[in-house]
Amino acid sequence: KRWGELTHFVDDGDVPISNNWVENHIRPIALGRSNWLFAGSLRAGKRAAAIMSLLHSARINGHEPYAYLKDVLERLPAHPASRIDELLPHRWSPSA
């Protein structure tokens, strides 16, 4: 019944033969999901999720996560609260 779907990659060169690439990219998320059960408390879990979201967003936007977080944490004390959106990963640019 599924022969057409199974051999679809033969007709379309853009379709990969396997999904190993996707599996390798979602593995850290799947492992983290079970690890975050032991964050200590609900508040700690929410904080960890927020930090992980920022770091993954930085990576998705082409930034090196450590450099992004280091720069944002150094700027944060003197940065005006009204312009905090400038520090989000999709708008961030490294300081000169």
PDB file of N, CA and C in Angstrom:
ATOM      1  N   LYS A   1       0.805  -1.211   0.000  1.00  0.00           N
ATOM      2  CA  LYS A   1       0.000   0.000   0.000  1.00  0.00           C
ATOM      3  C   LYS A   1       0.846   1.273   0.000  1.00  0.00           C
ATOM      4  N   ARG A   2       2.024   1.243   0.536  1.00  0.00           N
ATOM      5  CA  ARG A   2       2.848   2.449   0.699  1.00  0.00           C
ATOM      6  C   ARG A   2       4.032   2.496  -0.258  1.00  0.00           C
ATOM      7  N   TRP A   3       4.040   1.681  -1.295  1.00  0.00           N
ATOM      8  CA  TRP A   3       5.181   1.624  -2.203  1.00  0.00           C
ATOM      9  C   TRP A   3       5.468   2.981  -2.847  1.00  0.00           C
ATOM     10  N   GLY A   4       4.431   3.712  -3.227  1.00  0.00           N
ATOM     11  CA  GLY A   4       4.612   5.029  -3.839  1.00  0.00           C
ATOM     12  C   GLY A   4       5.322   6.000  -2.913  1.00  0.00           C
ATOM     13  N   GLU A   5       4.912   6.022  -1.643  1.00  0.00           N
ATOM     14  CA  GLU A   5       5.547   6.904  -0.668  1.00  0.00           C
ATOM     15  C   GLU A   5       6.980   6.450  -0.377  1.00  0.00           C
ATOM     16  N   LEU A   6       7.176   5.141  -0.337  1.00  0.00           N
ATOM     17  CA  LEU A   6       8.491   4.603  -0.039  1.00  0.00           C
ATOM     18  C   LEU A   6       9.510   4.927  -1.134  1.00  0.00           C
ATOM     19  N   THR A   7       9.089   4.943  -2.371  1.00  0.00           N
ATOM     20  CA  THR A   7      10.008   5.185  -3.490  1.00  0.00           C
ATOM     21  C   THR A   7       9.913   6.607  -4.043  1.00  0.00           C
ATOM     22  N   HIS A   8       9.268   7.496  -3.345  1.00  0.00           N
ATOM     23  CA  HIS A   8       9.089   8.873  -3.809  1.00  0.00           C
ATOM     24  C   HIS A   8      10.430   9.571  -4.059  1.00  0.00           C
ATOM     25  N   PHE A   9      11.451   9.246  -3.261  1.00  0.00           N
ATOM     26  CA  PHE A   9      12.760   9.897  -3.417  1.00  0.00           C
ATOM     27  C   PHE A   9      13.402   9.582  -4.764  1.00  0.00           C
ATOM     28  N   VAL A  10      12.997   8.498  -5.410  1.00  0.00           N
ATOM     29  CA  VAL A  10      13.551   8.136  -6.713  1.00  0.00           C
ATOM     30  C   VAL A  10      13.096   9.131  -7.779  1.00  0.00           C
ATOM     31  N   ASP A  11      11.853   9.582  -7.670  1.00  0.00           N
ATOM     32  CA  ASP A  11      11.288  10.509  -8.655  1.00  0.00           C
ATOM     33  C   ASP A  11      11.650  11.966  -8.376  1.00  0.00           C
ATOM     34  N   ASP A  12      11.897  12.297  -7.124  1.00  0.00           N
ATOM     35  CA  ASP A  12      12.182  13.685  -6.740  1.00  0.00           C
ATOM     36  C   ASP A  12      13.552  13.740  -6.061  1.00  0.00           C
ATOM     37  N   GLY A  13      14.523  14.323  -6.716  1.00  0.00           N
ATOM     38  CA  GLY A  13      15.887  14.391  -6.189  1.00  0.00           C
ATOM     39  C   GLY A  13      16.043  15.248  -4.954  1.00  0.00           C
ATOM     40  N   ASP A  14      15.046  16.093  -4.649  1.00  0.00           N
ATOM     41  CA  ASP A  14      15.131  16.932  -3.452  1.00  0.00           C
ATOM     42  C   ASP A  14      14.733  16.193  -2.180  1.00  0.00           C
ATOM     43  N   VAL A  15      14.101  15.033  -2.326  1.00  0.00           N
ATOM     44  CA  VAL A  15      13.654  14.266  -1.169  1.00  0.00           C
ATOM     45  C   VAL A  15      14.808  13.367  -0.703  1.00  0.00           C
ATOM     46  N   PRO A  16      15.217  13.498   0.560  1.00  0.00           N
ATOM     47  CA  PRO A  16      16.317  12.651   1.046  1.00  0.00           C
ATOM     48  C   PRO A  16      15.874  11.194   1.215  1.00  0.00           C
ATOM     49  N   ILE A  17      16.822  10.290   1.116  1.00  0.00           N
ATOM     50  CA  ILE A  17      16.521   8.871   1.276  1.00  0.00           C
ATOM     51  C   ILE A  17      16.157   8.557   2.722  1.00  0.00           C
ATOM     52  N   SER A  18      16.827   9.211   3.659  1.00  0.00           N
ATOM     53  CA  SER A  18      16.551   8.941   5.074  1.00  0.00           C
ATOM     54  C   SER A  18      16.287  10.249   5.803  1.00  0.00           C
ATOM     55  N   ASN A  19      15.829  10.120   7.029  1.00  0.00           N
ATOM     56  CA  ASN A  19      15.574  11.306   7.848  1.00  0.00           C
ATOM     57  C   ASN A  19      16.597  11.427   8.976  1.00  0.00           C
ATOM     58  N   ASN A  20      17.797  10.879   8.783  1.00  0.00           N
ATOM     59  CA  ASN A  20      18.840  10.943   9.811  1.00  0.00           C
ATOM     60  C   ASN A  20      19.191  12.374  10.183  1.00  0.00           C
ATOM     61  N   TRP A  21      19.202  13.273   9.216  1.00  0.00           N
ATOM     62  CA  TRP A  21      19.545  14.668   9.503  1.00  0.00           C
ATOM     63  C   TRP A  21      18.567  15.260  10.513  1.00  0.00           C
ATOM     64  N   VAL A  22      17.285  15.035  10.279  1.00  0.00           N
ATOM     65  CA  VAL A  22      16.266  15.553  11.197  1.00  0.00           C
ATOM     66  C   VAL A  22      16.379  14.872  12.555  1.00  0.00           C
ATOM     67  N   GLU A  23      16.542  13.558  12.542  1.00  0.00           N
ATOM     68  CA  GLU A  23      16.674  12.816  13.800  1.00  0.00           C
ATOM     69  C   GLU A  23      17.831  13.349  14.636  1.00  0.00           C
ATOM     70  N   ASN A  24      18.965  13.619  14.010  1.00  0.00           N
ATOM     71  CA  ASN A  24      20.128  14.124  14.741  1.00  0.00           C
ATOM     72  C   ASN A  24      19.902  15.519  15.291  1.00  0.00           C
ATOM     73  N   HIS A  25      19.104  16.328  14.606  1.00  0.00           N
ATOM     74  CA  HIS A  25      18.861  17.692  15.072  1.00  0.00           C
ATOM     75  C   HIS A  25      17.816  17.765  16.181  1.00  0.00           C
ATOM     76  N   ILE A  26      16.891  16.823  16.238  1.00  0.00           N
ATOM     77  CA  ILE A  26      15.879  16.878  17.299  1.00  0.00           C
ATOM     78  C   ILE A  26      16.265  16.040  18.515  1.00  0.00           C
ATOM     79  N   ARG A  27      17.320  15.241  18.410  1.00  0.00           N
ATOM     80  CA  ARG A  27      17.742  14.400  19.542  1.00  0.00           C
ATOM     81  C   ARG A  27      18.017  15.222  20.801  1.00  0.00           C
ATOM     82  N   PRO A  28      18.758  16.348  20.741  1.00  0.00           N
ATOM     83  CA  PRO A  28      18.988  17.114  21.978  1.00  0.00           C
ATOM     84  C   PRO A  28      17.695  17.620  22.609  1.00  0.00           C
ATOM     85  N   ILE A  29      16.716  17.947  21.791  1.00  0.00           N
ATOM     86  CA  ILE A  29      15.438  18.420  22.329  1.00  0.00           C
ATOM     87  C   ILE A  29      14.725  17.286  23.045  1.00  0.00           C
ATOM     88  N   ALA A  30      14.715  16.106  22.418  1.00  0.00           N
ATOM     89  CA  ALA A  30      14.057  14.960  23.035  1.00  0.00           C
ATOM     90  C   ALA A  30      14.748  14.558  24.336  1.00  0.00           C
ATOM     91  N   LEU A  31      16.077  14.581  24.356  1.00  0.00           N
ATOM     92  CA  LEU A  31      16.802  14.260  25.590  1.00  0.00           C
ATOM     93  C   LEU A  31      16.566  15.318  26.657  1.00  0.00           C
ATOM     94  N   GLY A  32      16.575  16.572  26.245  1.00  0.00           N
ATOM     95  CA  GLY A  32      16.344  17.664  27.181  1.00  0.00           C
ATOM     96  C   GLY A  32      14.966  17.609  27.803  1.00  0.00           C
ATOM     97  N   ARG A  33      13.988  17.186  27.015  1.00  0.00           N
ATOM     98  CA  ARG A  33      12.615  17.122  27.512  1.00  0.00           C
ATOM     99  C   ARG A  33      12.534  16.232  28.746  1.00  0.00           C
ATOM    100  N   SER A  34      13.210  15.087  28.726  1.00  0.00           N
ATOM    101  CA  SER A  34      13.179  14.221  29.909  1.00  0.00           C
ATOM    102  C   SER A  34      14.088  14.760  31.017  1.00  0.00           C
ATOM    103  N   ASN A  35      15.176  15.415  30.659  1.00  0.00           N
ATOM    104  CA  ASN A  35      16.076  15.957  31.675  1.00  0.00           C
ATOM    105  C   ASN A  35      15.453  17.135  32.419  1.00  0.00           C
ATOM    106  N   TRP A  36      14.624  17.938  31.738  1.00  0.00           N
ATOM    107  CA  TRP A  36      14.054  19.119  32.385  1.00  0.00           C
ATOM    108  C   TRP A  36      13.001  18.753  33.415  1.00  0.00           C
ATOM    109  N   LEU A  37      12.599  17.498  33.468  1.00  0.00           N
ATOM    110  CA  LEU A  37      11.676  17.073  34.515  1.00  0.00           C
ATOM    111  C   LEU A  37      12.317  17.223  35.898  1.00  0.00           C
ATOM    112  N   PHE A  38      13.644  17.262  35.933  1.00  0.00           N
ATOM    113  CA  PHE A  38      14.368  17.312  37.198  1.00  0.00           C
ATOM    114  C   PHE A  38      15.038  18.669  37.400  1.00  0.00           C
ATOM    115  N   ALA A  39      14.381  19.741  36.977  1.00  0.00           N
ATOM    116  CA  ALA A  39      14.956  21.084  37.085  1.00  0.00           C
ATOM    117  C   ALA A  39      14.953  21.598  38.520  1.00  0.00           C
ATOM    118  N   GLY A  40      14.218  20.966  39.423  1.00  0.00           N
ATOM    119  CA  GLY A  40      14.210  21.385  40.819  1.00  0.00           C
ATOM    120  C   GLY A  40      12.873  21.950  41.244  1.00  0.00           C
ATOM    121  N   SER A  41      12.293  22.786  40.405  1.00  0.00           N
ATOM    122  CA  SER A  41      10.985  23.365  40.719  1.00  0.00           C
ATOM    123  C   SER A  41      10.361  23.860  39.425  1.00  0.00           C
ATOM    124  N   LEU A  42       9.115  24.210  39.489  1.00  0.00           N
ATOM    125  CA  LEU A  42       8.434  24.728  38.308  1.00  0.00           C
ATOM    126  C   LEU A  42       9.088  26.023  37.828  1.00  0.00           C
ATOM    127  N   ARG A  43       9.435  26.925  38.754  1.00  0.00           N
ATOM    128  CA  ARG A  43      10.080  28.191  38.372  1.00  0.00           C
ATOM    129  C   ARG A  43      11.430  27.946  37.712  1.00  0.00           C
ATOM    130  N   ALA A  44      12.202  27.007  38.264  1.00  0.00           N
ATOM    131  CA  ALA A  44      13.509  26.692  37.672  1.00  0.00           C
ATOM    132  C   ALA A  44      13.338  26.110  36.275  1.00  0.00           C
ATOM    133  N   GLY A  45      12.336  25.268  36.095  1.00  0.00           N
ATOM    134  CA  GLY A  45      12.061  24.702  34.776  1.00  0.00           C
ATOM    135  C   GLY A  45      11.674  25.775  33.769  1.00  0.00           C
ATOM    136  N   LYS A  46      10.871  26.741  34.205  1.00  0.00           N
ATOM    137  CA  LYS A  46      10.470  27.840  33.310  1.00  0.00           C
ATOM    138  C   LYS A  46      11.672  28.711  32.943  1.00  0.00           C
ATOM    139  N   ARG A  47      12.544  28.968  33.914  1.00  0.00           N
ATOM    140  CA  ARG A  47      13.756  29.748  33.619  1.00  0.00           C
ATOM    141  C   ARG A  47      14.651  29.013  32.634  1.00  0.00           C
ATOM    142  N   ALA A  48      14.829  27.722  32.865  1.00  0.00           N
ATOM    143  CA  ALA A  48      15.663  26.921  31.965  1.00  0.00           C
ATOM    144  C   ALA A  48      15.073  26.920  30.558  1.00  0.00           C
ATOM    145  N   ALA A  49      13.756  26.808  30.460  1.00  0.00           N
ATOM    146  CA  ALA A  49      13.106  26.813  29.150  1.00  0.00           C
ATOM    147  C   ALA A  49      13.302  28.159  28.453  1.00  0.00           C
ATOM    148  N   ALA A  50      13.230  29.254  29.206  1.00  0.00           N
ATOM    149  CA  ALA A  50      13.418  30.579  28.610  1.00  0.00           C
ATOM    150  C   ALA A  50      14.850  30.746  28.095  1.00  0.00           C
ATOM    151  N   ILE A  51      15.830  30.315  28.873  1.00  0.00           N
ATOM    152  CA  ILE A  51      17.225  30.416  28.446  1.00  0.00           C
ATOM    153  C   ILE A  51      17.479  29.544  27.229  1.00  0.00           C
ATOM    154  N   MET A  52      16.960  28.319  27.250  1.00  0.00           N
ATOM    155  CA  MET A  52      17.138  27.415  26.103  1.00  0.00           C
ATOM    156  C   MET A  52      16.481  28.000  24.862  1.00  0.00           C
ATOM    157  N   SER A  53      15.323  28.622  25.006  1.00  0.00           N
ATOM    158  CA  SER A  53      14.644  29.246  23.867  1.00  0.00           C
ATOM    159  C   SER A  53      15.487  30.372  23.282  1.00  0.00           C
ATOM    160  N   LEU A  54      16.065  31.199  24.144  1.00  0.00           N
ATOM    161  CA  LEU A  54      16.936  32.283  23.672  1.00  0.00           C
ATOM    162  C   LEU A  54      18.151  31.729  22.934  1.00  0.00           C
ATOM    163  N   LEU A  55      18.776  30.715  23.506  1.00  0.00           N
ATOM    164  CA  LEU A  55      19.980  30.160  22.888  1.00  0.00           C
ATOM    165  C   LEU A  55      19.668  29.482  21.554  1.00  0.00           C
ATOM    166  N   HIS A  56      18.574  28.740  21.495  1.00  0.00           N
ATOM    167  CA  HIS A  56      18.205  28.104  20.226  1.00  0.00           C
ATOM    168  C   HIS A  56      17.793  29.144  19.188  1.00  0.00           C
ATOM    169  N   SER A  57      17.109  30.193  19.625  1.00  0.00           N
ATOM    170  CA  SER A  57      16.750  31.268  18.693  1.00  0.00           C
ATOM    171  C   SER A  57      17.997  31.961  18.156  1.00  0.00           C
ATOM    172  N   ALA A  58      18.981  32.158  19.011  1.00  0.00           N
ATOM    173  CA  ALA A  58      20.246  32.759  18.560  1.00  0.00           C
ATOM    174  C   ALA A  58      20.899  31.863  17.515  1.00  0.00           C
ATOM    175  N   ARG A  59      20.920  30.565  17.772  1.00  0.00           N
ATOM    176  CA  ARG A  59      21.528  29.624  16.831  1.00  0.00           C
ATOM    177  C   ARG A  59      20.772  29.637  15.497  1.00  0.00           C
ATOM    178  N   ILE A  60      19.456  29.644  15.546  1.00  0.00           N
ATOM    179  CA  ILE A  60      18.638  29.666  14.334  1.00  0.00           C
ATOM    180  C   ILE A  60      18.895  30.933  13.522  1.00  0.00           C
ATOM    181  N   ASN A  61      19.154  32.042  14.219  1.00  0.00           N
ATOM    182  CA  ASN A  61      19.410  33.308  13.540  1.00  0.00           C
ATOM    183  C   ASN A  61      20.867  33.476  13.130  1.00  0.00           C
ATOM    184  N   GLY A  62      21.658  32.421  13.249  1.00  0.00           N
ATOM    185  CA  GLY A  62      23.034  32.436  12.765  1.00  0.00           C
ATOM    186  C   GLY A  62      24.067  32.991  13.732  1.00  0.00           C
ATOM    187  N   HIS A  63      23.707  33.142  14.991  1.00  0.00           N
ATOM    188  CA  HIS A  63      24.643  33.657  15.991  1.00  0.00           C
ATOM    189  C   HIS A  63      25.252  32.510  16.775  1.00  0.00           C
ATOM    190  N   GLU A  64      26.467  32.714  17.251  1.00  0.00           N
ATOM    191  CA  GLU A  64      27.082  31.734  18.141  1.00  0.00           C
ATOM    192  C   GLU A  64      26.460  31.962  19.517  1.00  0.00           C
ATOM    193  N   PRO A  65      25.786  30.967  20.098  1.00  0.00           N
ATOM    194  CA  PRO A  65      25.013  31.183  21.328  1.00  0.00           C
ATOM    195  C   PRO A  65      25.808  31.764  22.491  1.00  0.00           C
ATOM    196  N   TYR A  66      27.035  31.306  22.708  1.00  0.00           N
ATOM    197  CA  TYR A  66      27.823  31.832  23.823  1.00  0.00           C
ATOM    198  C   TYR A  66      28.123  33.314  23.630  1.00  0.00           C
ATOM    199  N   ALA A  67      28.525  33.696  22.416  1.00  0.00           N
ATOM    200  CA  ALA A  67      28.828  35.108  22.140  1.00  0.00           C
ATOM    201  C   ALA A  67      27.576  35.965  22.308  1.00  0.00           C
ATOM    202  N   TYR A  68      26.437  35.456  21.856  1.00  0.00           N
ATOM    203  CA  TYR A  68      25.176  36.201  21.991  1.00  0.00           C
ATOM    204  C   TYR A  68      24.848  36.427  23.464  1.00  0.00           C
ATOM    205  N   LEU A  69      24.862  35.355  24.237  1.00  0.00           N
ATOM    206  CA  LEU A  69      24.485  35.467  25.642  1.00  0.00           C
ATOM    207  C   LEU A  69      25.469  36.343  26.415  1.00  0.00           C
ATOM    208  N   LYS A  70      26.750  36.206  26.154  1.00  0.00           N
ATOM    209  CA  LYS A  70      27.768  37.017  26.824  1.00  0.00           C
ATOM    210  C   LYS A  70      27.554  38.498  26.532  1.00  0.00           C
ATOM    211  N   ASP A  71      27.325  38.833  25.264  1.00  0.00           N
ATOM    212  CA  ASP A  71      27.130  40.234  24.886  1.00  0.00           C
ATOM    213  C   ASP A  71      25.856  40.807  25.510  1.00  0.00           C
ATOM    214  N   VAL A  72      24.777  40.028  25.463  1.00  0.00           N
ATOM    215  CA  VAL A  72      23.505  40.512  26.017  1.00  0.00           C
ATOM    216  C   VAL A  72      23.631  40.722  27.536  1.00  0.00           C
ATOM    217  N   LEU A  73      24.244  39.788  28.234  1.00  0.00           N
ATOM    218  CA  LEU A  73      24.380  39.933  29.680  1.00  0.00           C
ATOM    219  C   LEU A  73      25.293  41.094  30.061  1.00  0.00           C
ATOM    220  N   GLU A  74      26.279  41.406  29.228  1.00  0.00           N
ATOM    221  CA  GLU A  74      27.141  42.564  29.503  1.00  0.00           C
ATOM    222  C   GLU A  74      26.412  43.873  29.237  1.00  0.00           C
ATOM    223  N   ARG A  75      25.554  43.904  28.231  1.00  0.00           N
ATOM    224  CA  ARG A  75      24.815  45.131  27.894  1.00  0.00           C
ATOM    225  C   ARG A  75      23.624  45.385  28.811  1.00  0.00           C
ATOM    226  N   LEU A  76      23.032  44.339  29.326  1.00  0.00           N
ATOM    227  CA  LEU A  76      21.749  44.425  30.016  1.00  0.00           C
ATOM    228  C   LEU A  76      21.678  45.453  31.145  1.00  0.00           C
ATOM    229  N   PRO A  77      22.673  45.574  32.030  1.00  0.00           N
ATOM    230  CA  PRO A  77      22.536  46.530  33.133  1.00  0.00           C
ATOM    231  C   PRO A  77      22.362  47.981  32.681  1.00  0.00           C
ATOM    232  N   ALA A  78      22.976  48.374  31.587  1.00  0.00           N
ATOM    233  CA  ALA A  78      22.899  49.769  31.138  1.00  0.00           C
ATOM    234  C   ALA A  78      21.905  49.973  29.997  1.00  0.00           C
ATOM    235  N   HIS A  79      21.265  48.905  29.545  1.00  0.00           N
ATOM    236  CA  HIS A  79      20.365  49.001  28.395  1.00  0.00           C
ATOM    237  C   HIS A  79      18.993  49.488  28.844  1.00  0.00           C
ATOM    238  N   PRO A  80      18.417  50.485  28.154  1.00  0.00           N
ATOM    239  CA  PRO A  80      17.092  50.985  28.543  1.00  0.00           C
ATOM    240  C   PRO A  80      16.009  49.918  28.358  1.00  0.00           C
ATOM    241  N   ALA A  81      15.118  49.812  29.333  1.00  0.00           N
ATOM    242  CA  ALA A  81      14.042  48.815  29.281  1.00  0.00           C
ATOM    243  C   ALA A  81      13.125  49.050  28.084  1.00  0.00           C
ATOM    244  N   SER A  82      12.988  50.286  27.648  1.00  0.00           N
ATOM    245  CA  SER A  82      12.113  50.586  26.510  1.00  0.00           C
ATOM    246  C   SER A  82      12.662  50.039  25.189  1.00  0.00           C
ATOM    247  N   ARG A  83      13.958  49.697  25.157  1.00  0.00           N
ATOM    248  CA  ARG A  83      14.577  49.175  23.931  1.00  0.00           C
ATOM    249  C   ARG A  83      15.071  47.744  24.112  1.00  0.00           C
ATOM    250  N   ILE A  84      14.446  47.010  25.031  1.00  0.00           N
ATOM    251  CA  ILE A  84      14.891  45.648  25.327  1.00  0.00           C
ATOM    252  C   ILE A  84      14.720  44.717  24.129  1.00  0.00           C
ATOM    253  N   ASP A  85      13.789  45.024  23.231  1.00  0.00           N
ATOM    254  CA  ASP A  85      13.563  44.171  22.060  1.00  0.00           C
ATOM    255  C   ASP A  85      14.777  44.156  21.123  1.00  0.00           C
ATOM    256  N   GLU A  86      15.672  45.131  21.232  1.00  0.00           N
ATOM    257  CA  GLU A  86      16.891  45.149  20.417  1.00  0.00           C
ATOM    258  C   GLU A  86      17.833  44.008  20.775  1.00  0.00           C
ATOM    259  N   LEU A  87      17.653  43.431  21.959  1.00  0.00           N
ATOM    260  CA  LEU A  87      18.526  42.359  22.410  1.00  0.00           C
ATOM    261  C   LEU A  87      17.993  40.970  22.073  1.00  0.00           C
ATOM    262  N   LEU A  88      16.827  40.896  21.477  1.00  0.00           N
ATOM    263  CA  LEU A  88      16.287  39.599  21.060  1.00  0.00           C
ATOM    264  C   LEU A  88      17.111  39.052  19.902  1.00  0.00           C
ATOM    265  N   PRO A  89      17.235  37.744  19.800  1.00  0.00           N
ATOM    266  CA  PRO A  89      18.127  37.158  18.795  1.00  0.00           C
ATOM    267  C   PRO A  89      17.888  37.590  17.348  1.00  0.00           C
ATOM    268  N   HIS A  90      16.640  37.808  16.961  1.00  0.00           N
ATOM    269  CA  HIS A  90      16.380  38.175  15.564  1.00  0.00           C
ATOM    270  C   HIS A  90      16.687  39.637  15.272  1.00  0.00           C
ATOM    271  N   ARG A  91      16.949  40.460  16.296  1.00  0.00           N
ATOM    272  CA  ARG A  91      17.288  41.880  16.086  1.00  0.00           C
ATOM    273  C   ARG A  91      18.691  42.226  16.584  1.00  0.00           C
ATOM    274  N   TRP A  92      19.326  41.303  17.273  1.00  0.00           N
ATOM    275  CA  TRP A  92      20.610  41.565  17.904  1.00  0.00           C
ATOM    276  C   TRP A  92      21.736  41.709  16.897  1.00  0.00           C
ATOM    277  N   SER A  93      22.623  42.649  17.177  1.00  0.00           N
ATOM    278  CA  SER A  93      23.871  42.758  16.418  1.00  0.00           C
ATOM    279  C   SER A  93      24.982  42.942  17.445  1.00  0.00           C
ATOM    280  N   PRO A  94      26.114  42.289  17.239  1.00  0.00           N
ATOM    281  CA  PRO A  94      27.195  42.358  18.237  1.00  0.00           C
ATOM    282  C   PRO A  94      27.639  43.793  18.484  1.00  0.00           C
ATOM    283  N   SER A  95      28.035  44.064  19.735  1.00  0.00           N
ATOM    284  CA  SER A  95      28.518  45.408  20.037  1.00  0.00           C
ATOM    285  C   SER A  95      29.893  45.601  19.406  1.00  0.00           C
ATOM    286  N   ALA A  96      30.180  46.839  19.085  1.00  0.00           N
ATOM    287  CA  ALA A  96      31.443  47.159  18.388  1.00  0.00           C
ATOM    288  C   ALA A  96      32.638  47.087  19.279  1.00  0.00           C
TER     289      ALA A  96
END
